[in-house]
N, C-alpha and C. Protein backbone atom coordinates (compact mmCIF):
# COMPACT_ATOMS: atom_id res chain seq x y z
N MET A 1 -39.72 -36.50 -0.51
CA MET A 1 -38.36 -36.65 -0.05
C MET A 1 -37.84 -38.03 -0.43
N SER A 2 -36.56 -38.16 -0.49
CA SER A 2 -35.96 -39.44 -0.88
C SER A 2 -35.97 -40.40 0.31
N ALA A 3 -35.65 -41.66 0.02
CA ALA A 3 -35.65 -42.69 1.06
C ALA A 3 -34.62 -42.39 2.14
N SER A 4 -33.54 -41.71 1.81
CA SER A 4 -32.50 -41.41 2.79
C SER A 4 -32.94 -40.35 3.79
N SER A 5 -34.04 -39.67 3.53
CA SER A 5 -34.50 -38.63 4.45
C SER A 5 -35.45 -39.21 5.51
N VAL A 6 -35.71 -40.51 5.45
CA VAL A 6 -36.51 -41.17 6.46
C VAL A 6 -35.58 -41.67 7.55
N ALA A 7 -35.96 -41.41 8.81
CA ALA A 7 -35.10 -41.80 9.92
C ALA A 7 -35.93 -42.41 11.04
N GLU A 8 -35.23 -43.05 11.97
CA GLU A 8 -35.89 -43.64 13.13
C GLU A 8 -35.66 -42.73 14.33
N CYS A 9 -36.74 -42.41 15.03
CA CYS A 9 -36.66 -41.54 16.19
C CYS A 9 -35.84 -42.23 17.28
N SER A 10 -34.90 -41.49 17.86
CA SER A 10 -34.04 -42.07 18.88
C SER A 10 -34.75 -42.20 20.23
N LYS A 11 -35.94 -41.63 20.38
CA LYS A 11 -36.69 -41.72 21.63
C LYS A 11 -37.76 -42.80 21.59
N CYS A 12 -38.61 -42.78 20.54
CA CYS A 12 -39.74 -43.71 20.48
C CYS A 12 -39.60 -44.77 19.39
N ASN A 13 -38.52 -44.72 18.63
CA ASN A 13 -38.22 -45.69 17.56
C ASN A 13 -39.23 -45.70 16.42
N SER A 14 -40.03 -44.65 16.26
CA SER A 14 -40.94 -44.58 15.12
C SER A 14 -40.20 -43.99 13.93
N MET A 15 -40.70 -44.25 12.74
CA MET A 15 -40.09 -43.72 11.52
C MET A 15 -40.70 -42.36 11.20
N PHE A 16 -39.89 -41.42 10.76
CA PHE A 16 -40.37 -40.09 10.40
C PHE A 16 -39.46 -39.50 9.33
N GLU A 17 -39.96 -38.46 8.65
CA GLU A 17 -39.14 -37.77 7.65
C GLU A 17 -38.33 -36.69 8.32
N ARG A 18 -37.03 -36.71 8.07
CA ARG A 18 -36.13 -35.73 8.67
C ARG A 18 -36.37 -34.35 8.06
N THR A 19 -36.11 -33.33 8.84
CA THR A 19 -36.13 -31.97 8.32
C THR A 19 -34.73 -31.62 7.84
N ALA A 20 -34.59 -30.48 7.22
CA ALA A 20 -33.31 -30.08 6.64
C ALA A 20 -32.22 -29.92 7.69
N TYR A 21 -32.58 -29.53 8.92
CA TYR A 21 -31.54 -29.30 9.91
C TYR A 21 -31.17 -30.58 10.67
N GLN A 22 -31.91 -31.66 10.55
CA GLN A 22 -31.59 -32.90 11.25
C GLN A 22 -30.53 -33.67 10.46
N VAL A 23 -29.28 -33.34 10.70
CA VAL A 23 -28.17 -33.87 9.92
C VAL A 23 -27.51 -35.05 10.63
N ARG A 24 -27.26 -34.91 11.92
CA ARG A 24 -26.56 -35.95 12.68
C ARG A 24 -27.56 -36.86 13.39
N LYS A 25 -27.12 -38.07 13.71
CA LYS A 25 -28.01 -39.08 14.29
C LYS A 25 -28.61 -38.64 15.62
N HIS A 26 -27.87 -37.87 16.42
CA HIS A 26 -28.42 -37.46 17.71
C HIS A 26 -29.59 -36.48 17.54
N MET A 27 -29.78 -35.97 16.34
CA MET A 27 -30.89 -35.07 16.05
C MET A 27 -32.12 -35.81 15.54
N TYR A 28 -32.05 -37.13 15.42
CA TYR A 28 -33.16 -37.90 14.87
C TYR A 28 -34.24 -38.07 15.93
N ILE A 29 -35.03 -37.02 16.11
CA ILE A 29 -36.13 -37.04 17.07
C ILE A 29 -37.37 -36.57 16.34
N CYS A 30 -38.47 -37.36 16.44
CA CYS A 30 -39.70 -37.00 15.75
C CYS A 30 -40.34 -35.77 16.40
N ARG A 31 -41.28 -35.18 15.71
CA ARG A 31 -41.91 -33.95 16.18
C ARG A 31 -42.60 -34.14 17.54
N GLN A 32 -43.30 -35.27 17.73
CA GLN A 32 -44.00 -35.49 18.99
C GLN A 32 -43.02 -35.57 20.16
N CYS A 33 -41.92 -36.29 19.98
CA CYS A 33 -40.92 -36.40 21.04
C CYS A 33 -40.24 -35.06 21.30
N ARG A 34 -39.97 -34.31 20.23
CA ARG A 34 -39.35 -32.99 20.39
C ARG A 34 -40.27 -32.05 21.15
N ASN A 35 -41.58 -32.08 20.83
CA ASN A 35 -42.53 -31.22 21.54
C ASN A 35 -42.65 -31.63 23.00
N ALA A 36 -42.67 -32.95 23.28
CA ALA A 36 -42.74 -33.42 24.66
C ALA A 36 -41.50 -32.98 25.43
N HIS A 37 -40.34 -33.05 24.79
CA HIS A 37 -39.10 -32.62 25.43
C HIS A 37 -39.15 -31.13 25.77
N THR A 38 -39.66 -30.32 24.85
CA THR A 38 -39.74 -28.88 25.07
C THR A 38 -40.68 -28.55 26.22
N VAL A 39 -41.83 -29.22 26.27
CA VAL A 39 -42.80 -28.99 27.36
C VAL A 39 -42.18 -29.36 28.70
N ALA A 40 -41.49 -30.51 28.76
CA ALA A 40 -40.85 -30.94 30.00
C ALA A 40 -39.74 -29.97 30.41
N TRP A 41 -38.97 -29.50 29.44
CA TRP A 41 -37.88 -28.56 29.73
C TRP A 41 -38.42 -27.26 30.31
N ARG A 42 -39.52 -26.74 29.71
CA ARG A 42 -40.13 -25.51 30.23
C ARG A 42 -40.67 -25.72 31.64
N ALA A 43 -41.28 -26.89 31.89
CA ALA A 43 -41.81 -27.19 33.22
C ALA A 43 -40.69 -27.26 34.25
N ARG A 44 -39.56 -27.89 33.89
CA ARG A 44 -38.42 -27.96 34.81
C ARG A 44 -37.90 -26.58 35.14
N ARG A 45 -37.79 -25.72 34.14
CA ARG A 45 -37.30 -24.35 34.38
C ARG A 45 -38.25 -23.57 35.26
N LYS A 46 -39.56 -23.74 35.00
CA LYS A 46 -40.56 -23.03 35.80
C LYS A 46 -40.52 -23.50 37.25
N ALA A 47 -40.38 -24.81 37.47
CA ALA A 47 -40.32 -25.36 38.82
C ALA A 47 -39.06 -24.88 39.55
N ALA A 48 -37.99 -24.66 38.81
CA ALA A 48 -36.74 -24.20 39.40
C ALA A 48 -36.75 -22.69 39.67
N GLY A 49 -37.84 -22.02 39.32
CA GLY A 49 -37.94 -20.58 39.53
C GLY A 49 -37.27 -19.76 38.45
N ASN A 50 -37.01 -20.37 37.31
CA ASN A 50 -36.34 -19.68 36.21
C ASN A 50 -37.12 -19.93 34.92
N PRO A 51 -38.38 -19.44 34.83
CA PRO A 51 -39.18 -19.73 33.64
C PRO A 51 -38.63 -19.06 32.39
N VAL A 52 -38.95 -19.63 31.25
CA VAL A 52 -38.55 -19.06 29.97
C VAL A 52 -39.37 -17.79 29.78
N PRO A 53 -38.72 -16.64 29.64
CA PRO A 53 -39.49 -15.39 29.53
C PRO A 53 -40.19 -15.27 28.19
N LYS A 54 -41.39 -14.71 28.22
CA LYS A 54 -42.10 -14.42 26.98
C LYS A 54 -41.85 -12.95 26.66
N MET A 55 -41.40 -12.71 25.45
CA MET A 55 -41.07 -11.34 25.07
C MET A 55 -42.35 -10.51 24.96
N PRO A 56 -42.37 -9.33 25.55
CA PRO A 56 -43.57 -8.49 25.48
C PRO A 56 -43.82 -7.96 24.07
N ALA A 57 -45.07 -7.64 23.79
CA ALA A 57 -45.45 -7.15 22.47
C ALA A 57 -44.69 -5.87 22.12
N GLU A 58 -44.41 -5.05 23.13
CA GLU A 58 -43.69 -3.80 22.89
C GLU A 58 -42.30 -4.07 22.33
N TYR A 59 -41.65 -5.13 22.79
CA TYR A 59 -40.33 -5.50 22.27
C TYR A 59 -40.42 -5.81 20.77
N HIS A 60 -41.41 -6.63 20.40
CA HIS A 60 -41.57 -7.00 19.00
C HIS A 60 -41.90 -5.78 18.14
N LYS A 61 -42.70 -4.89 18.70
CA LYS A 61 -43.06 -3.67 17.96
C LYS A 61 -41.81 -2.82 17.69
N ARG A 62 -40.98 -2.62 18.72
CA ARG A 62 -39.75 -1.84 18.55
C ARG A 62 -38.81 -2.52 17.57
N TYR A 63 -38.70 -3.85 17.66
CA TYR A 63 -37.82 -4.58 16.75
C TYR A 63 -38.28 -4.40 15.31
N ASN A 64 -39.58 -4.56 15.06
CA ASN A 64 -40.09 -4.44 13.69
C ASN A 64 -39.89 -3.03 13.13
N ILE A 65 -40.05 -2.02 13.97
CA ILE A 65 -39.83 -0.65 13.53
C ILE A 65 -38.36 -0.47 13.13
N ALA A 66 -37.45 -0.97 13.96
CA ALA A 66 -36.02 -0.85 13.67
C ALA A 66 -35.66 -1.66 12.42
N TYR A 67 -36.22 -2.86 12.29
CA TYR A 67 -35.93 -3.71 11.13
C TYR A 67 -36.41 -3.05 9.85
N ASN A 68 -37.64 -2.53 9.86
CA ASN A 68 -38.20 -1.92 8.65
C ASN A 68 -37.53 -0.59 8.30
N ALA A 69 -36.80 0.00 9.23
CA ALA A 69 -36.10 1.25 8.96
C ALA A 69 -34.75 1.01 8.27
N ARG A 70 -34.29 -0.24 8.23
CA ARG A 70 -33.01 -0.55 7.60
C ARG A 70 -33.10 -0.28 6.10
N PRO A 71 -32.06 0.33 5.51
CA PRO A 71 -32.10 0.70 4.10
C PRO A 71 -32.32 -0.48 3.15
N GLU A 72 -31.68 -1.62 3.43
CA GLU A 72 -31.85 -2.77 2.53
C GLU A 72 -33.27 -3.33 2.59
N VAL A 73 -33.91 -3.23 3.75
CA VAL A 73 -35.30 -3.71 3.87
C VAL A 73 -36.23 -2.74 3.14
N LYS A 74 -35.99 -1.45 3.32
CA LYS A 74 -36.81 -0.45 2.61
C LYS A 74 -36.70 -0.63 1.10
N GLN A 75 -35.48 -0.86 0.64
CA GLN A 75 -35.25 -1.04 -0.79
C GLN A 75 -35.96 -2.29 -1.30
N LYS A 76 -35.90 -3.37 -0.55
CA LYS A 76 -36.56 -4.61 -0.94
C LYS A 76 -38.08 -4.42 -1.00
N ARG A 77 -38.64 -3.76 0.01
CA ARG A 77 -40.09 -3.53 0.04
C ARG A 77 -40.53 -2.62 -1.11
N ALA A 78 -39.72 -1.62 -1.43
CA ALA A 78 -40.04 -0.72 -2.52
C ALA A 78 -40.02 -1.46 -3.85
N GLU A 79 -39.04 -2.35 -4.01
CA GLU A 79 -38.95 -3.13 -5.25
C GLU A 79 -40.14 -4.08 -5.38
N GLU A 80 -40.54 -4.72 -4.26
CA GLU A 80 -41.71 -5.60 -4.28
C GLU A 80 -42.97 -4.83 -4.66
N ALA A 81 -43.12 -3.63 -4.11
CA ALA A 81 -44.30 -2.81 -4.41
C ALA A 81 -44.29 -2.38 -5.88
N ARG A 82 -43.11 -2.03 -6.39
CA ARG A 82 -43.01 -1.63 -7.79
C ARG A 82 -43.39 -2.78 -8.70
N LEU A 83 -42.89 -3.98 -8.41
CA LEU A 83 -43.21 -5.15 -9.22
C LEU A 83 -44.71 -5.49 -9.15
N ARG A 84 -45.31 -5.30 -7.99
CA ARG A 84 -46.75 -5.55 -7.86
C ARG A 84 -47.55 -4.58 -8.72
N ARG A 85 -47.14 -3.31 -8.69
CA ARG A 85 -47.86 -2.31 -9.49
C ARG A 85 -47.77 -2.60 -10.98
N LEU A 86 -46.62 -3.12 -11.43
CA LEU A 86 -46.41 -3.38 -12.84
C LEU A 86 -46.89 -4.75 -13.28
N ASP A 87 -47.34 -5.58 -12.34
CA ASP A 87 -47.74 -6.95 -12.65
C ASP A 87 -49.05 -6.94 -13.44
N PRO A 88 -49.05 -7.41 -14.69
CA PRO A 88 -50.28 -7.41 -15.48
C PRO A 88 -51.28 -8.47 -15.02
N ASP A 89 -50.81 -9.46 -14.27
CA ASP A 89 -51.70 -10.52 -13.81
C ASP A 89 -52.47 -10.15 -12.55
N GLU A 90 -52.09 -9.05 -11.90
CA GLU A 90 -52.79 -8.67 -10.68
C GLU A 90 -54.19 -8.18 -11.03
N THR A 91 -55.16 -8.78 -10.41
CA THR A 91 -56.55 -8.47 -10.72
C THR A 91 -57.04 -7.29 -9.88
N PRO A 92 -58.11 -6.66 -10.30
CA PRO A 92 -58.69 -5.59 -9.48
C PRO A 92 -59.10 -6.09 -8.10
N LYS A 93 -59.50 -7.36 -8.02
CA LYS A 93 -59.88 -7.93 -6.73
C LYS A 93 -58.69 -7.93 -5.77
N GLN A 94 -57.51 -8.34 -6.27
CA GLN A 94 -56.32 -8.36 -5.43
C GLN A 94 -55.93 -6.94 -5.00
N ARG A 95 -56.04 -6.00 -5.93
CA ARG A 95 -55.71 -4.60 -5.59
C ARG A 95 -56.65 -4.07 -4.51
N ALA A 96 -57.94 -4.36 -4.65
CA ALA A 96 -58.93 -3.88 -3.68
C ALA A 96 -58.68 -4.50 -2.31
N ARG A 97 -58.39 -5.79 -2.29
CA ARG A 97 -58.13 -6.45 -1.01
C ARG A 97 -56.90 -5.87 -0.32
N ARG A 98 -55.83 -5.63 -1.10
CA ARG A 98 -54.62 -5.07 -0.51
C ARG A 98 -54.86 -3.65 -0.01
N ALA A 99 -55.60 -2.85 -0.80
CA ALA A 99 -55.87 -1.47 -0.39
C ALA A 99 -56.70 -1.45 0.90
N THR A 100 -57.66 -2.35 1.01
CA THR A 100 -58.49 -2.42 2.22
C THR A 100 -57.64 -2.85 3.41
N ARG A 101 -56.83 -3.87 3.23
CA ARG A 101 -55.97 -4.37 4.31
C ARG A 101 -55.02 -3.27 4.79
N THR A 102 -54.43 -2.55 3.85
CA THR A 102 -53.50 -1.48 4.19
C THR A 102 -54.20 -0.35 4.92
N ALA A 103 -55.40 -0.01 4.48
CA ALA A 103 -56.16 1.07 5.12
C ALA A 103 -56.57 0.70 6.54
N VAL A 104 -56.92 -0.56 6.75
CA VAL A 104 -57.30 -1.00 8.10
C VAL A 104 -56.09 -0.93 9.01
N ARG A 105 -54.94 -1.41 8.54
CA ARG A 105 -53.72 -1.38 9.35
C ARG A 105 -53.30 0.05 9.69
N ALA A 106 -53.49 0.96 8.73
CA ALA A 106 -53.08 2.36 8.94
C ALA A 106 -54.10 3.14 9.74
N GLY A 107 -55.30 2.57 9.93
CA GLY A 107 -56.33 3.26 10.71
C GLY A 107 -57.21 4.17 9.88
N ARG A 108 -57.04 4.17 8.56
CA ARG A 108 -57.89 5.01 7.70
C ARG A 108 -59.26 4.39 7.48
N LEU A 109 -59.37 3.08 7.72
CA LEU A 109 -60.63 2.36 7.57
C LEU A 109 -60.81 1.55 8.84
N VAL A 110 -61.99 1.70 9.46
CA VAL A 110 -62.24 1.03 10.73
C VAL A 110 -63.28 -0.06 10.53
N LYS A 111 -62.99 -1.25 11.06
CA LYS A 111 -63.94 -2.35 10.96
C LYS A 111 -65.14 -2.04 11.86
N SER A 112 -66.31 -2.34 11.34
CA SER A 112 -67.52 -2.19 12.15
C SER A 112 -68.19 -3.56 12.25
N PRO A 113 -69.00 -3.79 13.28
CA PRO A 113 -69.61 -5.10 13.43
C PRO A 113 -70.60 -5.40 12.31
N CYS A 114 -70.83 -6.69 12.09
CA CYS A 114 -71.84 -7.13 11.13
C CYS A 114 -73.21 -6.68 11.64
N PHE A 115 -74.19 -6.63 10.76
CA PHE A 115 -75.52 -6.21 11.20
C PHE A 115 -76.13 -7.17 12.23
N CYS A 116 -75.58 -8.39 12.34
CA CYS A 116 -76.06 -9.34 13.35
C CYS A 116 -75.38 -9.09 14.70
N GLY A 117 -74.33 -8.24 14.71
CA GLY A 117 -73.64 -7.90 15.94
C GLY A 117 -72.30 -8.59 16.12
N ASP A 118 -71.97 -9.52 15.24
CA ASP A 118 -70.70 -10.25 15.35
C ASP A 118 -69.55 -9.29 15.06
N LEU A 119 -68.50 -9.34 15.91
CA LEU A 119 -67.35 -8.44 15.74
C LEU A 119 -66.27 -9.03 14.85
N ARG A 120 -66.30 -10.34 14.59
CA ARG A 120 -65.32 -10.96 13.70
C ARG A 120 -65.87 -10.85 12.28
N VAL A 121 -65.37 -9.87 11.53
CA VAL A 121 -65.96 -9.53 10.23
C VAL A 121 -64.94 -9.59 9.10
N ASP A 122 -65.48 -9.77 7.89
CA ASP A 122 -64.71 -9.72 6.65
C ASP A 122 -65.18 -8.52 5.85
N ALA A 123 -64.31 -7.99 5.02
CA ALA A 123 -64.68 -6.89 4.14
C ALA A 123 -65.30 -7.47 2.87
N HIS A 124 -66.48 -7.01 2.51
CA HIS A 124 -67.11 -7.44 1.26
C HIS A 124 -67.13 -6.25 0.31
N HIS A 125 -66.56 -6.44 -0.88
CA HIS A 125 -66.52 -5.40 -1.90
C HIS A 125 -67.68 -5.60 -2.87
N GLU A 126 -68.53 -4.63 -2.96
CA GLU A 126 -69.58 -4.65 -3.99
C GLU A 126 -68.99 -4.28 -5.34
N ASP A 127 -68.01 -3.34 -5.31
CA ASP A 127 -67.39 -2.84 -6.53
C ASP A 127 -65.89 -2.72 -6.29
N TYR A 128 -65.10 -3.47 -7.05
CA TYR A 128 -63.66 -3.47 -6.84
C TYR A 128 -63.00 -2.18 -7.30
N SER A 129 -63.69 -1.36 -8.07
CA SER A 129 -63.10 -0.08 -8.46
C SER A 129 -63.15 0.92 -7.30
N ARG A 130 -63.91 0.60 -6.26
CA ARG A 130 -63.95 1.41 -5.03
C ARG A 130 -63.41 0.55 -3.89
N PRO A 131 -62.09 0.45 -3.76
CA PRO A 131 -61.51 -0.51 -2.81
C PRO A 131 -61.84 -0.23 -1.35
N LEU A 132 -62.12 1.01 -1.00
CA LEU A 132 -62.44 1.31 0.41
C LEU A 132 -63.94 1.35 0.66
N GLY A 133 -64.74 1.12 -0.36
CA GLY A 133 -66.19 1.05 -0.18
C GLY A 133 -66.59 -0.39 0.13
N VAL A 134 -66.47 -0.76 1.40
CA VAL A 134 -66.72 -2.15 1.80
C VAL A 134 -67.90 -2.24 2.75
N VAL A 135 -68.49 -3.42 2.79
CA VAL A 135 -69.52 -3.75 3.77
C VAL A 135 -68.89 -4.79 4.68
N TRP A 136 -68.98 -4.59 5.99
CA TRP A 136 -68.39 -5.51 6.95
C TRP A 136 -69.42 -6.57 7.31
N LEU A 137 -69.09 -7.84 7.00
CA LEU A 137 -70.01 -8.95 7.24
C LEU A 137 -69.28 -10.06 7.99
N CYS A 138 -70.03 -10.77 8.84
CA CYS A 138 -69.46 -11.94 9.51
C CYS A 138 -69.34 -13.06 8.47
N LYS A 139 -68.63 -14.13 8.84
CA LYS A 139 -68.41 -15.24 7.90
C LYS A 139 -69.73 -15.81 7.39
N LEU A 140 -70.69 -15.99 8.30
CA LEU A 140 -71.97 -16.59 7.94
C LEU A 140 -72.71 -15.74 6.90
N HIS A 141 -72.85 -14.44 7.17
CA HIS A 141 -73.57 -13.58 6.25
C HIS A 141 -72.80 -13.32 4.95
N HIS A 142 -71.47 -13.30 5.03
CA HIS A 142 -70.66 -13.10 3.83
C HIS A 142 -70.85 -14.29 2.88
N ARG A 143 -70.80 -15.49 3.46
CA ARG A 143 -71.00 -16.70 2.65
C ARG A 143 -72.41 -16.71 2.05
N ALA A 144 -73.41 -16.35 2.86
CA ALA A 144 -74.80 -16.34 2.38
C ALA A 144 -74.97 -15.34 1.24
N LEU A 145 -74.34 -14.18 1.34
CA LEU A 145 -74.44 -13.17 0.28
C LEU A 145 -73.86 -13.70 -1.03
N HIS A 146 -72.71 -14.37 -0.96
CA HIS A 146 -72.11 -14.91 -2.17
C HIS A 146 -72.93 -16.06 -2.75
N LEU A 147 -73.55 -16.84 -1.89
CA LEU A 147 -74.43 -17.92 -2.39
C LEU A 147 -75.64 -17.35 -3.11
N GLU A 148 -76.18 -16.24 -2.61
CA GLU A 148 -77.30 -15.58 -3.28
C GLU A 148 -76.89 -15.11 -4.68
N LYS A 149 -75.68 -14.55 -4.79
CA LYS A 149 -75.19 -14.06 -6.09
C LYS A 149 -75.02 -15.21 -7.08
N VAL A 150 -74.55 -16.36 -6.58
CA VAL A 150 -74.35 -17.52 -7.45
C VAL A 150 -75.69 -18.05 -7.95
N GLU A 151 -76.67 -18.09 -7.08
CA GLU A 151 -77.99 -18.61 -7.43
C GLU A 151 -78.74 -17.67 -8.35
N ALA A 152 -78.47 -16.38 -8.23
CA ALA A 152 -79.21 -15.39 -9.03
C ALA A 152 -78.76 -15.34 -10.47
């Protein structure tokens, strides 16, 4: 950023780089002061019996369904998918990863625990031509498997 994008915080007088929306001097507040202000504001509202509501997951789910049903969004997503399919630089690895991710989200592929019992697992592809033929491994075992391949 240029020298003109550096400003002095109006609360703590420290120097910081302005963001794009900090246009007027009264907005010259560094991130730490802004976060402290937000925490204090939420605490005041909670103490007054009027806490800031957290939107339930069901609200976000309904919103995303309605948003994705819009014709312009569908058209944009279809165009992005078409360009991905025609992209000569897309590797089989990227295709396999996307196919696995999509299958997991759709419920066609279910994550299973690593053989050590860890439930936080990654998909390991032995063969990228079989995108849904994955082995579920924890981070530790996945890294160890790749190190074995490098050494061999």
